[in-house]
Amino acid sequence: MPPTVPVPARRVTAVAKVNEDEVLLLWRALMAFRSGRRPGCAATGGPPRSRCPLHAQCPRWQGPEDYYAVMEETPGEPERRRAAWPCTRIGNLLSPELRRIG
């Protein structure tokens, strides 16, 4: 009879559960952080630093200034440009149907 090999126990990973109100609050906070004339995700100071962990990979800061670009673009252009921002993609994933993060 061949020797038996012990099988590692399966690890159970705890996943956070959220309700509809918590998802809505998270979505509102994300939208407020990235919106307005001086968004919270903009780099400030010297050397410039952002409070947003996605700032380095965000194409928003390599393109035109969003606040002013909207005034010169056709109606569909801002939506296409903003769709590339990581925060937009995260915001699109958040919905009241979201029950688990992870």
Protein backbone atom coordinates (compact mmCIF):
# COMPACT_ATOMS: atom_id res chain seq x y z
CA MET A 1 0.00 0.00 0.00
CA PRO A 2 1.48 3.44 -0.95
CA PRO A 3 2.12 5.90 1.86
CA THR A 4 -0.65 8.42 2.41
CA VAL A 5 0.05 12.09 1.92
CA PRO A 6 -1.60 14.43 4.41
CA VAL A 7 -4.06 16.81 2.80
CA PRO A 8 -3.78 20.40 4.05
CA ALA A 9 -6.90 21.72 5.72
CA ARG A 10 -8.87 24.24 3.69
CA ARG A 11 -8.62 27.75 5.05
CA VAL A 12 -11.81 29.67 5.39
CA THR A 13 -11.45 33.31 4.50
CA ALA A 14 -13.70 35.77 6.25
CA VAL A 15 -15.44 38.14 3.86
CA ALA A 16 -16.94 41.43 4.97
CA LYS A 17 -20.69 41.73 4.58
CA VAL A 18 -22.25 45.10 3.88
CA ASN A 19 -25.81 46.34 3.63
CA GLU A 20 -27.38 48.68 1.06
CA ASP A 21 -26.89 51.78 3.21
CA GLU A 22 -23.17 51.09 3.67
CA VAL A 23 -22.70 50.60 -0.07
CA LEU A 24 -24.52 53.87 -0.77
CA LEU A 25 -22.38 55.73 1.78
CA LEU A 26 -19.20 54.30 0.26
CA TRP A 27 -20.33 55.29 -3.25
CA ARG A 28 -21.19 58.83 -2.11
CA ALA A 29 -17.83 59.21 -0.36
CA LEU A 30 -15.97 58.00 -3.45
CA MET A 31 -17.86 60.35 -5.76
CA ALA A 32 -17.37 63.33 -3.43
CA PHE A 33 -13.65 62.59 -3.07
CA ARG A 34 -13.07 62.58 -6.83
CA SER A 35 -15.44 65.39 -7.82
CA GLY A 36 -15.48 69.16 -7.88
CA ARG A 37 -13.10 71.91 -8.83
CA ARG A 38 -10.47 70.75 -6.32
CA PRO A 39 -10.99 66.99 -5.94
CA GLY A 40 -9.50 65.23 -2.93
CA CYS A 41 -7.51 62.94 -5.20
CA ALA A 42 -5.53 65.82 -6.76
CA ALA A 43 -1.86 66.07 -5.83
CA THR A 44 -1.00 69.12 -3.75
CA GLY A 45 1.99 70.49 -1.88
CA GLY A 46 5.65 70.33 -2.67
CA PRO A 47 6.59 67.75 -3.72
CA PRO A 48 3.08 67.06 -5.01
CA ARG A 49 1.32 64.22 -3.17
CA SER A 50 -2.17 62.80 -3.42
CA ARG A 51 -4.30 61.22 -0.70
CA CYS A 52 -5.62 58.77 -3.33
CA PRO A 53 -3.88 55.37 -3.46
CA LEU A 54 -4.81 55.09 -7.17
CA HIS A 55 -3.28 58.43 -8.18
CA ALA A 56 -0.09 57.05 -9.77
CA GLN A 57 -2.04 54.80 -12.16
CA CYS A 58 -4.85 57.24 -12.92
CA PRO A 59 -4.94 58.64 -16.48
CA ARG A 60 -6.93 61.63 -15.16
CA TRP A 61 -3.75 63.43 -14.17
CA GLN A 62 -1.94 62.86 -17.47
CA GLY A 63 -4.76 64.37 -19.53
CA PRO A 64 -6.51 67.73 -19.63
CA GLU A 65 -7.87 69.33 -16.44
CA ASP A 66 -11.33 67.78 -16.14
CA TYR A 67 -13.04 70.83 -14.68
CA TYR A 68 -12.14 72.94 -17.73
CA ALA A 69 -12.06 70.21 -20.39
CA VAL A 70 -15.79 69.53 -19.94
CA MET A 71 -16.56 73.03 -21.17
CA GLU A 72 -14.79 72.42 -24.50
CA GLU A 73 -15.70 68.78 -25.21
CA THR A 74 -18.63 67.25 -27.03
CA PRO A 75 -21.22 65.57 -24.76
CA GLY A 76 -19.82 62.02 -25.16
CA GLU A 77 -16.14 62.83 -24.63
CA PRO A 78 -16.20 63.42 -20.84
CA GLU A 79 -17.96 60.09 -20.26
CA ARG A 80 -15.41 58.17 -22.37
CA ARG A 81 -12.48 59.92 -20.69
CA ARG A 82 -13.84 59.43 -17.17
CA ALA A 83 -14.56 55.74 -17.84
CA ALA A 84 -10.78 55.15 -17.83
CA TRP A 85 -10.37 56.48 -14.28
CA PRO A 86 -9.96 53.70 -11.67
CA CYS A 87 -12.42 55.42 -9.29
CA THR A 88 -15.09 55.41 -12.01
CA ARG A 89 -14.68 51.68 -12.52
CA ILE A 90 -14.91 51.09 -8.75
CA GLY A 91 -17.98 53.34 -8.52
CA ASN A 92 -19.65 51.38 -11.33
CA LEU A 93 -19.16 48.15 -9.38
CA LEU A 94 -20.87 49.53 -6.28
CA SER A 95 -24.60 49.01 -6.25
CA PRO A 96 -27.29 48.20 -3.67
CA GLU A 97 -27.14 44.58 -4.85
CA LEU A 98 -23.55 44.31 -3.56
CA ARG A 99 -23.64 42.22 -0.39
CA ARG A 100 -20.05 41.03 0.02
CA ILE A 101 -16.72 42.73 -0.54
CA GLY A 102 -14.06 40.24 -1.56
